[in-house]
Amino acid sequence: MDICIKIHPKRLVRRLAAAMGVMTLASIIGQVSTYFWGDGHLHGFVPLFNLDREMNIPTWFSAFLFLLGAVLLWVIGTELRARMDPLALRWRVMAVVFLILSVDEISALHEMTVDPLRDFFHAGGYLHFSWVILGMAVILGTAILFLRPFLSLPGRLRLLSAASAGLFISGSIGMEMIAGRWVEAGGASNFRYAMMANAEETLELGGLILFIHVLLAVAGGLRLRRT
């Protein structure tokens, strides 16, 4: 029995963007409460929405976005496989990568690599959060994997896909490196670092939502061609 789930792409993307905006604002309010009002808990509100904390609402939202991306990538790959498209496997491998990243968001496995990588590379400064070394390797590998599917996209979707990657990388790597240098010099218990962390996570979420928009458009285009 076939299961049909109707998705309205524009409505979904708008709601995801609105949810991101609400969480970012809530996180900023929480940091203002922590550093200016002297209340770092606020009846549970601060840790629940802190973008720089694990196992809270933003963490699960980010994991959901990766999982949604994985599902859409797999759907696209499956449809292309049915058409004997040589790029089908790359889309499906990308789906697996996104699934792994979804699990990592919840378990924070990448955080466990910080100390070993810092010790191995004698890293500091911009590489204070040394997992970015591994992150850059993963991004490079993903870029190579997705290059041919990326080039196969229509011009507008190719531009949006590049923009989504730029947003995500500027947050996950760029802001993380800037924040790492600041933490090494001035510590993490200050409002400036909190805003850096908020900017980092917001850029990541924005990049993911924009990429989901691209994937929904690709999947919708394949469906239209089939009918």
N, C-alpha and C. Protein backbone atom coordinates (compact mmCIF):
# COMPACT_ATOMS: atom_id res chain seq x y z
N MET A 1 0.85 -1.20 0.00
CA MET A 1 0.00 0.00 0.00
C MET A 1 0.88 1.25 0.00
N ASP A 2 0.62 2.14 -0.96
CA ASP A 2 1.38 3.37 -1.05
C ASP A 2 0.88 4.38 -0.02
N ILE A 3 1.82 5.08 0.58
CA ILE A 3 1.47 6.13 1.54
C ILE A 3 1.79 7.48 0.91
N CYS A 4 0.82 8.32 0.83
CA CYS A 4 1.00 9.63 0.20
C CYS A 4 0.93 10.72 1.27
N ILE A 5 1.98 11.51 1.37
CA ILE A 5 2.01 12.61 2.32
C ILE A 5 2.14 13.91 1.53
N LYS A 6 1.14 14.78 1.65
CA LYS A 6 1.17 16.04 0.92
C LYS A 6 1.96 17.08 1.70
N ILE A 7 2.91 17.70 1.01
CA ILE A 7 3.73 18.74 1.61
C ILE A 7 3.58 20.00 0.77
N HIS A 8 3.30 21.11 1.42
CA HIS A 8 3.27 22.40 0.74
C HIS A 8 4.63 23.08 0.98
N PRO A 9 5.54 23.01 -0.01
CA PRO A 9 6.93 23.44 0.20
C PRO A 9 7.09 24.84 0.75
N LYS A 10 6.42 25.83 0.15
CA LYS A 10 6.59 27.21 0.60
C LYS A 10 6.10 27.39 2.04
N ARG A 11 4.97 26.77 2.35
CA ARG A 11 4.42 26.88 3.70
C ARG A 11 5.36 26.22 4.71
N LEU A 12 5.89 25.06 4.35
CA LEU A 12 6.81 24.36 5.25
C LEU A 12 8.06 25.17 5.51
N VAL A 13 8.66 25.72 4.44
CA VAL A 13 9.89 26.50 4.59
C VAL A 13 9.63 27.75 5.42
N ARG A 14 8.49 28.41 5.18
CA ARG A 14 8.15 29.60 5.98
C ARG A 14 8.03 29.25 7.46
N ARG A 15 7.40 28.12 7.74
CA ARG A 15 7.22 27.73 9.14
C ARG A 15 8.55 27.34 9.79
N LEU A 16 9.40 26.69 9.04
CA LEU A 16 10.73 26.36 9.57
C LEU A 16 11.52 27.63 9.86
N ALA A 17 11.45 28.59 8.93
CA ALA A 17 12.16 29.86 9.13
C ALA A 17 11.59 30.62 10.33
N ALA A 18 10.27 30.58 10.48
CA ALA A 18 9.65 31.25 11.63
C ALA A 18 10.08 30.60 12.94
N ALA A 19 10.13 29.27 12.95
CA ALA A 19 10.57 28.55 14.15
C ALA A 19 12.01 28.91 14.49
N MET A 20 12.86 29.01 13.46
CA MET A 20 14.24 29.41 13.68
C MET A 20 14.31 30.80 14.29
N GLY A 21 13.51 31.73 13.75
CA GLY A 21 13.50 33.09 14.27
C GLY A 21 13.06 33.16 15.72
N VAL A 22 12.04 32.39 16.07
CA VAL A 22 11.54 32.36 17.45
C VAL A 22 12.61 31.82 18.39
N MET A 23 13.27 30.73 17.98
CA MET A 23 14.30 30.13 18.84
C MET A 23 15.51 31.03 19.01
N THR A 24 15.90 31.72 17.93
CA THR A 24 17.03 32.65 18.01
C THR A 24 16.70 33.79 18.97
N LEU A 25 15.51 34.34 18.84
CA LEU A 25 15.10 35.43 19.73
C LEU A 25 15.04 34.95 21.18
N ALA A 26 14.48 33.75 21.39
CA ALA A 26 14.38 33.21 22.75
C ALA A 26 15.77 32.99 23.34
N SER A 27 16.70 32.52 22.52
CA SER A 27 18.07 32.29 23.00
C SER A 27 18.74 33.61 23.39
N ILE A 28 18.54 34.64 22.57
CA ILE A 28 19.13 35.95 22.88
C ILE A 28 18.54 36.51 24.17
N ILE A 29 17.23 36.38 24.33
CA ILE A 29 16.59 36.84 25.57
C ILE A 29 17.19 36.10 26.77
N GLY A 30 17.42 34.81 26.60
CA GLY A 30 18.02 34.02 27.67
C GLY A 30 19.42 34.50 28.04
N GLN A 31 20.20 34.89 27.04
CA GLN A 31 21.56 35.38 27.31
C GLN A 31 21.54 36.77 27.93
N VAL A 32 20.59 37.58 27.52
CA VAL A 32 20.42 38.89 28.16
C VAL A 32 20.05 38.70 29.63
N SER A 33 19.17 37.73 29.88
CA SER A 33 18.80 37.42 31.26
C SER A 33 20.01 36.97 32.07
N THR A 34 20.85 36.16 31.44
CA THR A 34 22.02 35.62 32.14
C THR A 34 23.03 36.69 32.49
N TYR A 35 23.37 37.54 31.51
CA TYR A 35 24.48 38.47 31.70
C TYR A 35 24.08 39.88 32.12
N PHE A 36 22.80 40.23 32.01
CA PHE A 36 22.39 41.58 32.39
C PHE A 36 21.35 41.58 33.51
N TRP A 37 20.55 40.53 33.59
CA TRP A 37 19.55 40.45 34.66
C TRP A 37 19.99 39.55 35.80
N GLY A 38 21.11 38.84 35.61
CA GLY A 38 21.65 37.99 36.66
C GLY A 38 20.89 36.71 36.89
N ASP A 39 20.08 36.29 35.93
CA ASP A 39 19.32 35.05 36.06
C ASP A 39 19.62 34.14 34.87
N GLY A 40 20.47 33.14 35.10
CA GLY A 40 20.86 32.23 34.04
C GLY A 40 19.95 31.03 33.89
N HIS A 41 18.83 31.04 34.57
CA HIS A 41 17.90 29.91 34.49
C HIS A 41 16.53 30.36 34.00
N LEU A 42 15.98 31.39 34.64
CA LEU A 42 14.69 31.97 34.27
C LEU A 42 13.61 30.90 34.19
N HIS A 43 13.51 30.15 35.31
CA HIS A 43 12.51 29.08 35.42
C HIS A 43 12.64 28.02 34.31
N GLY A 44 13.88 27.77 33.90
CA GLY A 44 14.13 26.74 32.88
C GLY A 44 14.15 27.27 31.46
N PHE A 45 13.74 28.52 31.26
CA PHE A 45 13.65 29.10 29.91
C PHE A 45 15.02 29.20 29.25
N VAL A 46 16.04 29.64 29.99
CA VAL A 46 17.36 29.87 29.40
C VAL A 46 17.98 28.59 28.85
N PRO A 47 18.14 27.53 29.67
CA PRO A 47 18.73 26.31 29.11
C PRO A 47 17.88 25.64 28.04
N LEU A 48 16.56 25.84 28.11
CA LEU A 48 15.67 25.18 27.15
C LEU A 48 15.85 25.73 25.74
N PHE A 49 16.21 27.02 25.62
CA PHE A 49 16.32 27.66 24.30
C PHE A 49 17.73 28.12 23.95
N ASN A 50 18.70 27.84 24.81
CA ASN A 50 20.07 28.27 24.54
C ASN A 50 20.63 27.55 23.31
N LEU A 51 20.94 28.30 22.27
CA LEU A 51 21.43 27.71 21.03
C LEU A 51 22.80 27.06 21.20
N ASP A 52 23.51 27.43 22.26
CA ASP A 52 24.84 26.87 22.48
C ASP A 52 24.83 25.70 23.45
N ARG A 53 23.66 25.21 23.80
CA ARG A 53 23.53 24.06 24.69
C ARG A 53 23.08 22.83 23.90
N GLU A 54 23.32 21.65 24.47
CA GLU A 54 22.89 20.41 23.83
C GLU A 54 21.60 19.91 24.49
N MET A 55 20.91 18.99 23.80
CA MET A 55 19.73 18.31 24.32
C MET A 55 18.64 19.29 24.79
N ASN A 56 18.37 20.27 23.95
CA ASN A 56 17.26 21.18 24.22
C ASN A 56 16.47 21.39 22.92
N ILE A 57 15.56 22.32 22.91
CA ILE A 57 14.69 22.50 21.73
C ILE A 57 15.48 22.84 20.47
N PRO A 58 16.42 23.79 20.48
CA PRO A 58 17.20 24.05 19.26
C PRO A 58 17.98 22.84 18.76
N THR A 59 18.51 22.03 19.68
CA THR A 59 19.24 20.83 19.27
C THR A 59 18.34 19.87 18.51
N TRP A 60 17.17 19.63 19.06
CA TRP A 60 16.24 18.71 18.40
C TRP A 60 15.73 19.29 17.09
N PHE A 61 15.57 20.60 17.02
CA PHE A 61 15.15 21.24 15.78
C PHE A 61 16.21 21.08 14.71
N SER A 62 17.46 21.29 15.08
CA SER A 62 18.57 21.12 14.13
C SER A 62 18.66 19.67 13.66
N ALA A 63 18.52 18.72 14.59
CA ALA A 63 18.55 17.30 14.22
C ALA A 63 17.40 16.97 13.28
N PHE A 64 16.23 17.56 13.53
CA PHE A 64 15.07 17.35 12.65
C PHE A 64 15.35 17.87 11.24
N LEU A 65 16.00 19.04 11.13
CA LEU A 65 16.31 19.59 9.82
C LEU A 65 17.25 18.68 9.05
N PHE A 66 18.27 18.16 9.72
CA PHE A 66 19.17 17.21 9.06
C PHE A 66 18.42 15.96 8.63
N LEU A 67 17.53 15.47 9.50
CA LEU A 67 16.77 14.27 9.18
C LEU A 67 15.83 14.52 8.00
N LEU A 68 15.18 15.68 7.99
CA LEU A 68 14.31 16.03 6.87
C LEU A 68 15.11 16.11 5.58
N GLY A 69 16.30 16.71 5.66
CA GLY A 69 17.17 16.76 4.50
C GLY A 69 17.55 15.37 4.02
N ALA A 70 17.83 14.47 4.97
CA ALA A 70 18.18 13.09 4.61
C ALA A 70 17.04 12.40 3.88
N VAL A 71 15.81 12.59 4.39
CA VAL A 71 14.64 11.97 3.75
C VAL A 71 14.46 12.50 2.33
N LEU A 72 14.58 13.82 2.16
CA LEU A 72 14.39 14.40 0.83
C LEU A 72 15.49 13.96 -0.13
N LEU A 73 16.72 13.91 0.34
CA LEU A 73 17.82 13.43 -0.50
C LEU A 73 17.60 11.98 -0.93
N TRP A 74 17.12 11.16 0.01
CA TRP A 74 16.86 9.75 -0.31
C TRP A 74 15.72 9.62 -1.33
N VAL A 75 14.67 10.43 -1.15
CA VAL A 75 13.54 10.40 -2.09
C VAL A 75 14.01 10.78 -3.49
N ILE A 76 14.82 11.83 -3.57
CA ILE A 76 15.34 12.26 -4.87
C ILE A 76 16.21 11.17 -5.49
N GLY A 77 17.10 10.59 -4.67
CA GLY A 77 17.97 9.53 -5.16
C GLY A 77 17.19 8.31 -5.63
N THR A 78 16.14 7.97 -4.90
CA THR A 78 15.31 6.82 -5.27
C THR A 78 14.58 7.06 -6.59
N GLU A 79 14.05 8.28 -6.74
CA GLU A 79 13.36 8.63 -7.99
C GLU A 79 14.33 8.60 -9.17
N LEU A 80 15.54 9.12 -8.96
CA LEU A 80 16.54 9.12 -10.04
C LEU A 80 17.01 7.70 -10.35
N ARG A 81 17.08 6.86 -9.32
CA ARG A 81 17.48 5.47 -9.54
C ARG A 81 16.46 4.75 -10.41
N ALA A 82 15.18 5.04 -10.20
CA ALA A 82 14.12 4.43 -11.01
C ALA A 82 14.25 4.86 -12.47
N ARG A 83 14.88 6.02 -12.69
CA ARG A 83 15.07 6.52 -14.06
C ARG A 83 16.44 6.15 -14.61
N MET A 84 17.17 5.33 -13.85
CA MET A 84 18.51 4.89 -14.26
C MET A 84 19.48 6.06 -14.40
N ASP A 85 19.27 7.08 -13.58
CA ASP A 85 20.15 8.25 -13.61
C ASP A 85 21.47 7.92 -12.91
N PRO A 86 22.62 8.17 -13.55
CA PRO A 86 23.91 7.82 -12.94
C PRO A 86 24.24 8.60 -11.67
N LEU A 87 23.54 9.69 -11.41
CA LEU A 87 23.79 10.49 -10.21
C LEU A 87 22.97 10.03 -9.00
N ALA A 88 22.11 9.05 -9.20
CA ALA A 88 21.21 8.61 -8.12
C ALA A 88 21.98 8.20 -6.87
N LEU A 89 23.07 7.47 -7.05
CA LEU A 89 23.83 6.98 -5.89
C LEU A 89 24.39 8.13 -5.06
N ARG A 90 24.83 9.19 -5.70
CA ARG A 90 25.40 10.33 -4.97
C ARG A 90 24.34 11.00 -4.09
N TRP A 91 23.12 11.12 -4.60
CA TRP A 91 22.04 11.70 -3.79
C TRP A 91 21.76 10.82 -2.57
N ARG A 92 21.79 9.52 -2.75
CA ARG A 92 21.48 8.61 -1.65
C ARG A 92 22.62 8.57 -0.63
N VAL A 93 23.85 8.66 -1.10
CA VAL A 93 24.98 8.73 -0.16
C VAL A 93 24.90 10.03 0.65
N MET A 94 24.51 11.12 -0.01
CA MET A 94 24.31 12.37 0.71
C MET A 94 23.23 12.22 1.78
N ALA A 95 22.22 11.43 1.49
CA ALA A 95 21.16 11.18 2.48
C ALA A 95 21.74 10.51 3.71
N VAL A 96 22.64 9.56 3.51
CA VAL A 96 23.28 8.87 4.63
C VAL A 96 24.14 9.85 5.44
N VAL A 97 24.86 10.74 4.74
CA VAL A 97 25.68 11.75 5.42
C VAL A 97 24.79 12.64 6.30
N PHE A 98 23.66 13.07 5.78
CA PHE A 98 22.74 13.92 6.55
C PHE A 98 22.15 13.16 7.74
N LEU A 99 21.89 11.88 7.56
CA LEU A 99 21.39 11.08 8.68
C LEU A 99 22.43 11.00 9.80
N ILE A 100 23.68 10.80 9.43
CA ILE A 100 24.76 10.76 10.42
C ILE A 100 24.88 12.11 11.13
N LEU A 101 24.76 13.20 10.38
CA LEU A 101 24.83 14.53 10.98
C LEU A 101 23.65 14.78 11.92
N SER A 102 22.49 14.21 11.59
CA SER A 102 21.34 14.34 12.47
C SER A 102 21.61 13.65 13.81
N VAL A 103 22.17 12.45 13.74
CA VAL A 103 22.51 11.72 14.96
C VAL A 103 23.57 12.48 15.76
N ASP A 104 24.54 13.07 15.04
CA ASP A 104 25.61 13.81 15.71
C ASP A 104 25.06 15.03 16.44
N GLU A 105 24.05 15.68 15.87
CA GLU A 105 23.45 16.83 16.53
C GLU A 105 22.92 16.47 17.91
N ILE A 106 22.34 15.29 18.02
CA ILE A 106 21.76 14.86 19.29
C ILE A 106 22.82 14.35 20.25
N SER A 107 23.78 13.59 19.71
CA SER A 107 24.78 12.96 20.57
C SER A 107 26.03 13.81 20.77
N ALA A 108 26.23 14.84 19.92
CA ALA A 108 27.40 15.73 20.00
C ALA A 108 28.70 14.93 19.92
N LEU A 109 28.76 13.95 19.03
CA LEU A 109 29.96 13.13 18.89
C LEU A 109 31.16 13.97 18.48
N HIS A 110 30.93 15.00 17.65
CA HIS A 110 32.06 15.80 17.17
C HIS A 110 32.77 16.52 18.32
N GLU A 111 32.02 16.84 19.40
CA GLU A 111 32.62 17.50 20.54
C GLU A 111 33.70 16.63 21.20
N MET A 112 33.53 15.31 21.08
CA MET A 112 34.49 14.39 21.70
C MET A 112 35.85 14.39 20.99
N THR A 113 35.89 14.96 19.79
CA THR A 113 37.16 14.98 19.04
C THR A 113 38.00 16.21 19.35
N VAL A 114 37.45 17.16 20.11
CA VAL A 114 38.15 18.43 20.32
C VAL A 114 39.50 18.23 21.00
N ASP A 115 39.51 17.58 22.16
CA ASP A 115 40.77 17.41 22.90
C ASP A 115 41.79 16.56 22.15
N PRO A 116 41.41 15.39 21.59
CA PRO A 116 42.39 14.61 20.83
C PRO A 116 42.98 15.37 19.64
N LEU A 117 42.14 16.08 18.89
CA LEU A 117 42.65 16.83 17.74
C LEU A 117 43.51 18.01 18.19
N ARG A 118 43.13 18.67 19.28
CA ARG A 118 43.92 19.79 19.78
C ARG A 118 45.30 19.32 20.22
N ASP A 119 45.34 18.18 20.89
CA ASP A 119 46.63 17.63 21.32
C ASP A 119 47.48 17.18 20.14
N PHE A 120 46.84 16.54 19.17
CA PHE A 120 47.58 16.00 18.02
C PHE A 120 48.18 17.11 17.16
N PHE A 121 47.39 18.16 16.92
CA PHE A 121 47.85 19.23 16.04
C PHE A 121 48.46 20.40 16.82
N HIS A 122 48.50 20.29 18.17
CA HIS A 122 48.97 21.40 19.01
C HIS A 122 48.24 22.69 18.60
N ALA A 123 46.93 22.58 18.48
CA ALA A 123 46.12 23.66 17.92
C ALA A 123 45.71 24.65 19.00
N GLY A 124 45.47 25.86 18.55
CA GLY A 124 44.99 26.92 19.43
C GLY A 124 44.48 28.07 18.59
N GLY A 125 44.11 29.16 19.22
CA GLY A 125 43.62 30.31 18.48
C GLY A 125 42.34 29.98 17.74
N TYR A 126 42.35 30.22 16.43
CA TYR A 126 41.17 29.94 15.62
C TYR A 126 40.80 28.46 15.60
N LEU A 127 41.75 27.61 15.97
CA LEU A 127 41.50 26.16 16.02
C LEU A 127 41.31 25.68 17.45
N HIS A 128 40.93 26.59 18.34
CA HIS A 128 40.71 26.21 19.74
C HIS A 128 39.66 25.11 19.83
N PHE A 129 38.56 25.30 19.09
CA PHE A 129 37.57 24.22 18.97
C PHE A 129 38.02 23.32 17.82
N SER A 130 38.92 22.41 18.14
CA SER A 130 39.68 21.71 17.10
C SER A 130 38.87 20.74 16.26
N TRP A 131 37.62 20.50 16.62
CA TRP A 131 36.80 19.64 15.78
C TRP A 131 36.59 20.25 14.40
N VAL A 132 36.84 21.57 14.26
CA VAL A 132 36.65 22.20 12.95
C VAL A 132 37.61 21.63 11.91
N ILE A 133 38.74 21.05 12.37
CA ILE A 133 39.65 20.39 11.43
C ILE A 133 38.95 19.22 10.78
N LEU A 134 38.30 18.41 11.61
CA LEU A 134 37.50 17.29 11.09
C LEU A 134 36.32 17.83 10.28
N GLY A 135 35.71 18.91 10.75
CA GLY A 135 34.58 19.49 10.05
C GLY A 135 34.95 19.94 8.65
N MET A 136 36.12 20.56 8.50
CA MET A 136 36.55 21.00 7.17
C MET A 136 36.78 19.82 6.24
N ALA A 137 37.30 18.72 6.79
CA ALA A 137 37.51 17.51 5.98
C ALA A 137 36.17 16.93 5.52
N VAL A 138 35.19 16.92 6.44
CA VAL A 138 33.85 16.40 6.09
C VAL A 138 33.20 17.28 5.03
N ILE A 139 33.32 18.60 5.19
CA ILE A 139 32.73 19.53 4.21
C ILE A 139 33.39 19.37 2.85
N LEU A 140 34.71 19.21 2.83
CA LEU A 140 35.40 19.01 1.55
C LEU A 140 34.94 17.73 0.88
N GLY A 141 34.84 16.65 1.65
CA GLY A 141 34.38 15.38 1.09
C GLY A 141 32.95 15.47 0.57
N THR A 142 32.10 16.17 1.33
CA THR A 142 30.70 16.34 0.92
C THR A 142 30.61 17.19 -0.34
N ALA A 143 31.45 18.22 -0.43
CA ALA A 143 31.45 19.08 -1.62
C ALA A 143 31.86 18.29 -2.86
N ILE A 144 32.85 17.43 -2.73
CA ILE A 144 33.27 16.60 -3.86
C ILE A 144 32.16 15.64 -4.26
N LEU A 145 31.52 15.05 -3.26
CA LEU A 145 30.43 14.10 -3.52
C LEU A 145 29.26 14.78 -4.22
N PHE A 146 28.93 16.02 -3.80
CA PHE A 146 27.74 16.69 -4.31
C PHE A 146 28.02 17.54 -5.54
N LEU A 147 29.27 17.60 -6.00
CA LEU A 147 29.62 18.50 -7.10
C LEU A 147 28.81 18.21 -8.37
N ARG A 148 28.77 16.96 -8.78
CA ARG A 148 28.04 16.64 -10.02
C ARG A 148 26.53 16.84 -9.88
N PRO A 149 25.90 16.39 -8.78
CA PRO A 149 24.49 16.74 -8.61
C PRO A 149 24.25 18.25 -8.58
N PHE A 150 25.17 18.99 -7.93
CA PHE A 150 25.06 20.45 -7.86
C PHE A 150 25.08 21.06 -9.27
N LEU A 151 26.00 20.59 -10.11
CA LEU A 151 26.11 21.13 -11.47
C LEU A 151 24.92 20.75 -12.33
N SER A 152 24.21 19.70 -11.94
CA SER A 152 23.04 19.27 -12.71
C SER A 152 21.79 20.08 -12.38
N LEU A 153 21.84 20.89 -11.33
CA LEU A 153 20.68 21.68 -10.92
C LEU A 153 20.44 22.84 -11.88
N PRO A 154 19.18 23.28 -12.01
CA PRO A 154 18.90 24.50 -12.78
C PRO A 154 19.61 25.69 -12.14
N GLY A 155 19.83 26.75 -12.92
CA GLY A 155 20.61 27.89 -12.46
C GLY A 155 20.17 28.47 -11.13
N ARG A 156 18.85 28.71 -10.97
CA ARG A 156 18.36 29.32 -9.73
C ARG A 156 18.60 28.41 -8.54
N LEU A 157 18.33 27.12 -8.69
CA LEU A 157 18.53 26.19 -7.58
C LEU A 157 20.01 26.00 -7.28
N ARG A 158 20.83 26.09 -8.31
CA ARG A 158 22.28 26.00 -8.08
C ARG A 158 22.74 27.18 -7.24
N LEU A 159 22.23 28.37 -7.55
CA LEU A 159 22.59 29.56 -6.78
C LEU A 159 22.12 29.45 -5.34
N LEU A 160 20.88 28.99 -5.14
CA LEU A 160 20.35 28.84 -3.78
C LEU A 160 21.11 27.76 -3.01
N SER A 161 21.50 26.70 -3.69
CA SER A 161 22.27 25.64 -3.05
C SER A 161 23.62 26.15 -2.60
N ALA A 162 24.28 26.95 -3.46
CA ALA A 162 25.57 27.54 -3.09
C ALA A 162 25.40 28.50 -1.91
N ALA A 163 24.30 29.27 -1.92
CA ALA A 163 24.05 30.19 -0.81
C ALA A 163 23.82 29.44 0.49
N SER A 164 23.10 28.32 0.42
CA SER A 164 22.84 27.52 1.63
C SER A 164 24.14 26.97 2.19
N ALA A 165 25.02 26.51 1.30
CA ALA A 165 26.33 26.00 1.75
C ALA A 165 27.14 27.12 2.38
N GLY A 166 27.09 28.32 1.75
CA GLY A 166 27.83 29.46 2.30
C GLY A 166 27.36 29.83 3.69
N LEU A 167 26.04 29.86 3.89
CA LEU A 167 25.50 30.17 5.21
C LEU A 167 25.93 29.13 6.24
N PHE A 168 25.77 27.86 5.88
CA PHE A 168 26.08 26.80 6.83
C PHE A 168 27.57 26.80 7.19
N ILE A 169 28.44 26.91 6.20
CA ILE A 169 29.88 26.87 6.46
C ILE A 169 30.34 28.11 7.23
N SER A 170 29.77 29.27 6.90
CA SER A 170 30.16 30.49 7.62
C SER A 170 29.81 30.39 9.10
N GLY A 171 28.74 29.63 9.40
CA GLY A 171 28.39 29.43 10.81
C GLY A 171 29.17 28.32 11.45
N SER A 172 29.09 27.11 10.88
CA SER A 172 29.66 25.92 11.51
C SER A 172 31.19 25.97 11.58
N ILE A 173 31.83 26.59 10.59
CA ILE A 173 33.29 26.67 10.58
C ILE A 173 33.77 28.09 10.87
N GLY A 174 33.27 29.06 10.10
CA GLY A 174 33.75 30.43 10.25
C GLY A 174 33.52 31.02 11.63
N MET A 175 32.26 31.07 12.07
CA MET A 175 31.97 31.63 13.38
C MET A 175 32.54 30.79 14.51
N GLU A 176 32.60 29.47 14.30
CA GLU A 176 33.18 28.59 15.32
C GLU A 176 34.65 28.92 15.54
N MET A 177 35.37 29.21 14.45
CA MET A 177 36.79 29.55 14.56
C MET A 177 36.98 30.91 15.24
N ILE A 178 36.15 31.88 14.86
CA ILE A 178 36.23 33.20 15.49
C ILE A 178 35.91 33.10 16.99
N ALA A 179 34.86 32.34 17.30
CA ALA A 179 34.47 32.16 18.71
C ALA A 179 35.57 31.42 19.47
N GLY A 180 36.21 30.45 18.83
CA GLY A 180 37.28 29.70 19.49
C GLY A 180 38.44 30.60 19.88
N ARG A 181 38.81 31.51 18.99
CA ARG A 181 39.89 32.45 19.30
C ARG A 181 39.49 33.36 20.46
N TRP A 182 38.22 33.79 20.47
CA TRP A 182 37.75 34.65 21.55
C TRP A 182 37.75 33.90 22.88
N VAL A 183 37.28 32.65 22.87
CA VAL A 183 37.22 31.86 24.11
C VAL A 183 38.62 31.66 24.68
N GLU A 184 39.58 31.38 23.82
CA GLU A 184 40.95 31.17 24.30
C GLU A 184 41.51 32.43 24.94
N ALA A 185 41.12 33.59 24.43
CA ALA A 185 41.64 34.85 24.96
C ALA A 185 40.81 35.39 26.12
N GLY A 186 39.47 35.26 26.03
CA GLY A 186 38.62 35.91 27.03
C GLY A 186 37.65 35.01 27.75
N GLY A 187 37.67 33.70 27.45
CA GLY A 187 36.77 32.78 28.12
C GLY A 187 35.40 32.73 27.46
N ALA A 188 34.60 31.75 27.91
CA ALA A 188 33.28 31.54 27.30
C ALA A 188 32.14 32.13 28.12
N SER A 189 32.42 32.56 29.33
CA SER A 189 31.35 33.07 30.20
C SER A 189 31.19 34.57 30.06
N ASN A 190 30.79 35.00 28.88
CA ASN A 190 30.58 36.42 28.63
C ASN A 190 29.57 36.60 27.50
N PHE A 191 28.96 37.76 27.46
CA PHE A 191 27.88 38.01 26.52
C PHE A 191 28.36 37.99 25.07
N ARG A 192 29.57 38.47 24.83
CA ARG A 192 30.07 38.51 23.45
C ARG A 192 30.18 37.10 22.88
N TYR A 193 30.73 36.19 23.66
CA TYR A 193 30.82 34.81 23.16
C TYR A 193 29.42 34.23 22.95
N ALA A 194 28.50 34.53 23.86
CA ALA A 194 27.13 34.02 23.73
C ALA A 194 26.52 34.47 22.41
N MET A 195 26.76 35.73 22.01
CA MET A 195 26.22 36.23 20.75
C MET A 195 26.93 35.59 19.55
N MET A 196 28.22 35.30 19.69
CA MET A 196 28.93 34.58 18.63
C MET A 196 28.33 33.19 18.43
N ALA A 197 28.06 32.53 19.54
CA ALA A 197 27.48 31.19 19.47
C ALA A 197 26.09 31.23 18.86
N ASN A 198 25.31 32.26 19.21
CA ASN A 198 23.98 32.41 18.63
C ASN A 198 24.06 32.67 17.12
N ALA A 199 25.00 33.50 16.71
CA ALA A 199 25.17 33.78 15.29
C ALA A 199 25.58 32.51 14.54
N GLU A 200 26.48 31.75 15.14
CA GLU A 200 26.94 30.49 14.53
C GLU A 200 25.78 29.54 14.28
N GLU A 201 24.98 29.29 15.31
CA GLU A 201 23.88 28.34 15.19
C GLU A 201 22.79 28.85 14.26
N THR A 202 22.53 30.16 14.28
CA THR A 202 21.50 30.72 13.40
C THR A 202 21.90 30.59 11.93
N LEU A 203 23.17 30.84 11.64
CA LEU A 203 23.66 30.68 10.26
C LEU A 203 23.54 29.22 9.81
N GLU A 204 23.87 28.29 10.71
CA GLU A 204 23.75 26.87 10.37
C GLU A 204 22.30 26.51 10.06
N LEU A 205 21.38 26.93 10.94
CA LEU A 205 19.98 26.62 10.75
C LEU A 205 19.45 27.25 9.47
N GLY A 206 19.85 28.50 9.22
CA GLY A 206 19.42 29.18 8.01
C GLY A 206 19.90 28.46 6.75
N GLY A 207 21.16 28.00 6.78
CA GLY A 207 21.69 27.25 5.65
C GLY A 207 20.94 25.96 5.42
N LEU A 208 20.61 25.26 6.50
CA LEU A 208 19.87 24.01 6.38
C LEU A 208 18.47 24.24 5.81
N ILE A 209 17.78 25.26 6.30
CA ILE A 209 16.43 25.54 5.83
C ILE A 209 16.44 25.92 4.34
N LEU A 210 17.42 26.70 3.94
CA LEU A 210 17.52 27.08 2.52
C LEU A 210 17.80 25.85 1.66
N PHE A 211 18.63 24.93 2.16
CA PHE A 211 18.93 23.71 1.39
C PHE A 211 17.68 22.82 1.31
N ILE A 212 16.90 22.78 2.37
CA ILE A 212 15.64 22.02 2.34
C ILE A 212 14.70 22.61 1.28
N HIS A 213 14.70 23.93 1.18
CA HIS A 213 13.92 24.59 0.13
C HIS A 213 14.36 24.10 -1.26
N VAL A 214 15.68 24.01 -1.46
CA VAL A 214 16.21 23.52 -2.74
C VAL A 214 15.77 22.08 -2.98
N LEU A 215 15.90 21.24 -1.96
CA LEU A 215 15.55 19.82 -2.11
C LEU A 215 14.07 19.64 -2.40
N LEU A 216 13.23 20.43 -1.76
CA LEU A 216 11.79 20.36 -2.03
C LEU A 216 11.49 20.73 -3.48
N ALA A 217 12.21 21.73 -3.98
CA ALA A 217 12.03 22.15 -5.38
C ALA A 217 12.49 21.06 -6.34
N VAL A 218 13.62 20.42 -6.03
CA VAL A 218 14.13 19.34 -6.88
C VAL A 218 13.15 18.17 -6.88
N ALA A 219 12.70 17.78 -5.69
CA ALA A 219 11.76 16.65 -5.58
C ALA A 219 10.45 16.97 -6.28
N GLY A 220 9.98 18.21 -6.15
CA GLY A 220 8.75 18.61 -6.82
C GLY A 220 8.90 18.60 -8.33
N GLY A 221 10.05 19.02 -8.83
CA GLY A 221 10.31 18.99 -10.26
C GLY A 221 10.33 17.59 -10.82
N LEU A 222 10.92 16.66 -10.08
CA LEU A 222 10.96 15.27 -10.52
C LEU A 222 9.55 14.67 -10.55
N ARG A 223 8.74 15.04 -9.56
CA ARG A 223 7.36 14.53 -9.50
C ARG A 223 6.55 15.04 -10.67
N LEU A 224 6.74 16.33 -11.02
CA LEU A 224 6.01 16.91 -12.14
C LEU A 224 6.40 16.24 -13.46
N ARG A 225 7.69 15.95 -13.61
CA ARG A 225 8.15 15.30 -14.83
C ARG A 225 7.61 13.89 -14.96
N ARG A 226 7.41 13.23 -13.80
CA ARG A 226 6.91 11.86 -13.83
C ARG A 226 5.44 11.84 -14.24
N THR A 227 4.70 12.87 -13.79
CA THR A 227 3.28 12.91 -14.12
C THR A 227 3.04 13.53 -15.50
